[in-house]
Amino acid sequence: MNTFTFIIGSMDDFESLDELIDHFEDSNFPSSICNCSSFEFEAPEDCDQDTVVMIGRGMAFSNDWCMDHTVSTCINGSIVV
């Protein structure tokens, strides 16, 4: 099994995907006041990237996120706090 993290944020707070990634990699995001979320999950090693992204989106969409006015991506591994 491989670990992935799906990150998503509002375009009101993030103008680009790079800003969203930097936010999670370079800041103390749990104490920040931005409209964003992360969802960590495991998927089989033979799972293709499209399926991994669909799993991540499913987790986000099940938590009231949507594609409209958001930026998102799926990264390999966990986000270390």
N, C-alpha and C. Protein backbone atom coordinates (compact mmCIF):
# COMPACT_ATOMS: atom_id res chain seq x y z
N MET A 1 0.84 -1.18 0.00
CA MET A 1 0.00 0.00 0.00
C MET A 1 0.88 1.25 0.00
N ASN A 2 0.45 2.26 -0.74
CA ASN A 2 1.12 3.55 -0.78
C ASN A 2 0.25 4.59 -0.09
N THR A 3 0.89 5.54 0.55
CA THR A 3 0.17 6.62 1.22
C THR A 3 0.13 7.84 0.30
N PHE A 4 -1.03 8.47 0.23
CA PHE A 4 -1.23 9.68 -0.56
C PHE A 4 -1.94 10.71 0.29
N THR A 5 -1.80 11.97 -0.08
CA THR A 5 -2.54 13.05 0.57
C THR A 5 -3.16 13.92 -0.50
N PHE A 6 -4.46 14.07 -0.43
CA PHE A 6 -5.19 14.96 -1.33
C PHE A 6 -5.35 16.28 -0.61
N ILE A 7 -4.90 17.38 -1.24
CA ILE A 7 -5.04 18.70 -0.65
C ILE A 7 -5.93 19.56 -1.54
N ILE A 8 -6.74 20.38 -0.90
CA ILE A 8 -7.69 21.22 -1.63
C ILE A 8 -7.84 22.53 -0.88
N GLY A 9 -8.02 23.62 -1.63
CA GLY A 9 -8.19 24.92 -1.02
C GLY A 9 -9.04 25.83 -1.89
N SER A 10 -9.64 26.81 -1.26
CA SER A 10 -10.48 27.78 -1.94
C SER A 10 -9.62 28.74 -2.76
N MET A 11 -10.09 29.07 -3.95
CA MET A 11 -9.39 30.05 -4.78
C MET A 11 -9.47 31.46 -4.18
N ASP A 12 -10.31 31.64 -3.17
CA ASP A 12 -10.32 32.91 -2.44
C ASP A 12 -9.05 33.08 -1.63
N ASP A 13 -8.45 31.97 -1.22
CA ASP A 13 -7.24 32.00 -0.39
C ASP A 13 -5.97 31.63 -1.16
N PHE A 14 -6.11 30.90 -2.26
CA PHE A 14 -4.95 30.43 -3.02
C PHE A 14 -5.14 30.76 -4.49
N GLU A 15 -4.22 31.52 -5.05
CA GLU A 15 -4.32 31.91 -6.46
C GLU A 15 -3.79 30.85 -7.41
N SER A 16 -3.01 29.91 -6.87
CA SER A 16 -2.44 28.87 -7.73
C SER A 16 -2.23 27.59 -6.95
N LEU A 17 -2.00 26.54 -7.69
CA LEU A 17 -1.69 25.25 -7.08
C LEU A 17 -0.38 25.33 -6.31
N ASP A 18 0.59 26.07 -6.84
CA ASP A 18 1.87 26.24 -6.14
C ASP A 18 1.69 26.88 -4.77
N GLU A 19 0.81 27.87 -4.66
CA GLU A 19 0.54 28.50 -3.37
C GLU A 19 -0.06 27.50 -2.39
N LEU A 20 -0.97 26.65 -2.87
CA LEU A 20 -1.58 25.65 -2.01
C LEU A 20 -0.53 24.66 -1.51
N ILE A 21 0.30 24.18 -2.41
CA ILE A 21 1.35 23.23 -2.02
C ILE A 21 2.31 23.88 -1.04
N ASP A 22 2.74 25.11 -1.32
CA ASP A 22 3.64 25.82 -0.41
C ASP A 22 3.02 25.99 0.96
N HIS A 23 1.73 26.26 1.00
CA HIS A 23 1.03 26.44 2.27
C HIS A 23 1.15 25.18 3.13
N PHE A 24 0.95 24.04 2.53
CA PHE A 24 1.01 22.80 3.30
C PHE A 24 2.44 22.38 3.61
N GLU A 25 3.37 22.68 2.72
CA GLU A 25 4.76 22.26 2.93
C GLU A 25 5.53 23.21 3.84
N ASP A 26 5.24 24.51 3.77
CA ASP A 26 6.09 25.50 4.41
C ASP A 26 5.48 26.22 5.60
N SER A 27 4.25 25.92 5.97
CA SER A 27 3.64 26.68 7.06
C SER A 27 3.15 25.76 8.15
N ASN A 28 2.74 26.38 9.22
CA ASN A 28 2.12 25.65 10.32
C ASN A 28 0.62 25.62 10.06
N PHE A 29 0.21 24.88 9.02
CA PHE A 29 -1.15 24.97 8.51
C PHE A 29 -2.25 24.67 9.52
N PRO A 30 -2.07 23.83 10.54
CA PRO A 30 -3.20 23.60 11.44
C PRO A 30 -3.64 24.87 12.17
N SER A 31 -2.72 25.82 12.36
CA SER A 31 -3.10 27.03 13.08
C SER A 31 -3.40 28.20 12.14
N SER A 32 -3.38 27.96 10.84
CA SER A 32 -3.63 29.03 9.89
C SER A 32 -5.13 29.23 9.71
N ILE A 33 -5.47 30.36 9.11
CA ILE A 33 -6.88 30.69 8.91
C ILE A 33 -7.18 30.69 7.42
N CYS A 34 -6.88 29.64 6.74
CA CYS A 34 -7.17 29.52 5.32
C CYS A 34 -8.22 28.44 5.12
N ASN A 35 -8.97 28.58 4.06
CA ASN A 35 -10.00 27.61 3.74
C ASN A 35 -9.38 26.50 2.90
N CYS A 36 -8.85 25.49 3.59
CA CYS A 36 -8.19 24.38 2.92
C CYS A 36 -8.30 23.13 3.78
N SER A 37 -8.08 21.99 3.16
CA SER A 37 -8.14 20.71 3.88
C SER A 37 -7.17 19.72 3.24
N SER A 38 -6.81 18.72 4.02
CA SER A 38 -6.01 17.62 3.50
C SER A 38 -6.65 16.30 3.92
N PHE A 39 -6.52 15.32 3.06
CA PHE A 39 -7.11 14.00 3.29
C PHE A 39 -6.07 12.94 2.98
N GLU A 40 -5.60 12.26 3.99
CA GLU A 40 -4.59 11.21 3.81
C GLU A 40 -5.28 9.86 3.67
N PHE A 41 -4.77 9.05 2.75
CA PHE A 41 -5.36 7.73 2.54
C PHE A 41 -4.30 6.79 1.95
N GLU A 42 -4.61 5.53 1.96
CA GLU A 42 -3.74 4.52 1.35
C GLU A 42 -4.44 3.90 0.16
N ALA A 43 -3.63 3.56 -0.84
CA ALA A 43 -4.15 2.89 -2.03
C ALA A 43 -3.16 1.79 -2.42
N PRO A 44 -3.65 0.75 -3.08
CA PRO A 44 -2.75 -0.33 -3.51
C PRO A 44 -1.64 0.20 -4.41
N GLU A 45 -0.50 -0.47 -4.36
CA GLU A 45 0.66 -0.04 -5.15
C GLU A 45 0.38 -0.03 -6.65
N ASP A 46 -0.49 -0.89 -7.12
CA ASP A 46 -0.75 -0.97 -8.55
C ASP A 46 -1.87 -0.02 -9.00
N CYS A 47 -2.32 0.86 -8.13
CA CYS A 47 -3.38 1.81 -8.44
C CYS A 47 -2.82 2.92 -9.33
N ASP A 48 -3.50 3.19 -10.46
CA ASP A 48 -3.02 4.25 -11.35
C ASP A 48 -3.35 5.62 -10.79
N GLN A 49 -2.67 6.66 -11.30
CA GLN A 49 -2.79 8.01 -10.77
C GLN A 49 -4.22 8.55 -10.87
N ASP A 50 -4.92 8.25 -11.96
CA ASP A 50 -6.30 8.73 -12.10
C ASP A 50 -7.20 8.18 -11.00
N THR A 51 -7.02 6.92 -10.66
CA THR A 51 -7.81 6.31 -9.60
C THR A 51 -7.47 6.92 -8.25
N VAL A 52 -6.19 7.17 -8.01
CA VAL A 52 -5.75 7.79 -6.76
C VAL A 52 -6.39 9.17 -6.61
N VAL A 53 -6.41 9.95 -7.68
CA VAL A 53 -7.02 11.28 -7.63
C VAL A 53 -8.53 11.16 -7.38
N MET A 54 -9.18 10.19 -8.00
CA MET A 54 -10.62 10.01 -7.78
C MET A 54 -10.91 9.66 -6.33
N ILE A 55 -10.06 8.85 -5.70
CA ILE A 55 -10.24 8.52 -4.28
C ILE A 55 -10.13 9.79 -3.45
N GLY A 56 -9.09 10.59 -3.72
CA GLY A 56 -8.90 11.83 -2.98
C GLY A 56 -10.07 12.80 -3.16
N ARG A 57 -10.52 12.95 -4.38
CA ARG A 57 -11.67 13.83 -4.65
C ARG A 57 -12.91 13.32 -3.94
N GLY A 58 -13.10 12.01 -3.95
CA GLY A 58 -14.25 11.43 -3.25
C GLY A 58 -14.24 11.76 -1.78
N MET A 59 -13.05 11.71 -1.17
CA MET A 59 -12.95 12.05 0.25
C MET A 59 -13.27 13.53 0.46
N ALA A 60 -12.72 14.39 -0.40
CA ALA A 60 -12.96 15.83 -0.26
C ALA A 60 -14.44 16.17 -0.52
N PHE A 61 -15.00 15.62 -1.58
CA PHE A 61 -16.38 15.92 -1.94
C PHE A 61 -17.35 15.39 -0.88
N SER A 62 -16.98 14.32 -0.20
CA SER A 62 -17.80 13.79 0.88
C SER A 62 -17.75 14.69 2.12
N ASN A 63 -16.81 15.62 2.12
CA ASN A 63 -16.66 16.57 3.22
C ASN A 63 -17.00 17.99 2.77
N ASP A 64 -17.97 18.10 1.88
CA ASP A 64 -18.54 19.37 1.42
C ASP A 64 -17.64 20.22 0.53
N TRP A 65 -16.59 19.66 -0.04
CA TRP A 65 -15.79 20.38 -1.04
C TRP A 65 -16.37 20.09 -2.41
N CYS A 66 -16.01 20.92 -3.40
CA CYS A 66 -16.42 20.68 -4.78
C CYS A 66 -15.31 21.20 -5.69
N MET A 67 -15.47 21.01 -6.99
CA MET A 67 -14.47 21.47 -7.95
C MET A 67 -14.55 22.97 -8.19
N ASP A 68 -15.74 23.54 -8.01
CA ASP A 68 -15.94 24.96 -8.29
C ASP A 68 -15.11 25.84 -7.38
N HIS A 69 -14.31 26.73 -7.97
CA HIS A 69 -13.53 27.74 -7.25
C HIS A 69 -12.57 27.15 -6.23
N THR A 70 -11.98 25.99 -6.58
CA THR A 70 -10.97 25.38 -5.71
C THR A 70 -9.75 24.99 -6.55
N VAL A 71 -8.64 24.82 -5.87
CA VAL A 71 -7.44 24.21 -6.46
C VAL A 71 -7.13 22.99 -5.62
N SER A 72 -6.66 21.93 -6.27
CA SER A 72 -6.40 20.70 -5.54
C SER A 72 -5.39 19.85 -6.28
N THR A 73 -4.78 18.94 -5.53
CA THR A 73 -3.86 17.97 -6.11
C THR A 73 -3.71 16.81 -5.14
N CYS A 74 -3.15 15.75 -5.65
CA CYS A 74 -2.87 14.58 -4.84
C CYS A 74 -1.35 14.38 -4.83
N ILE A 75 -0.77 14.30 -3.65
CA ILE A 75 0.67 14.13 -3.54
C ILE A 75 1.00 12.77 -2.93
N ASN A 76 2.16 12.26 -3.27
CA ASN A 76 2.61 11.00 -2.68
C ASN A 76 3.09 11.25 -1.27
N GLY A 77 2.70 10.41 -0.35
CA GLY A 77 3.16 10.50 1.02
C GLY A 77 2.26 11.31 1.92
N SER A 78 2.75 11.52 3.14
CA SER A 78 2.02 12.26 4.16
C SER A 78 2.54 13.67 4.26
N ILE A 79 1.71 14.54 4.80
CA ILE A 79 2.15 15.89 5.12
C ILE A 79 2.63 15.84 6.56
N VAL A 80 3.87 16.23 6.77
CA VAL A 80 4.44 16.20 8.11
C VAL A 80 4.21 17.56 8.77
N VAL A 81 3.66 17.53 9.96
CA VAL A 81 3.39 18.76 10.69
C VAL A 81 4.50 19.02 11.69
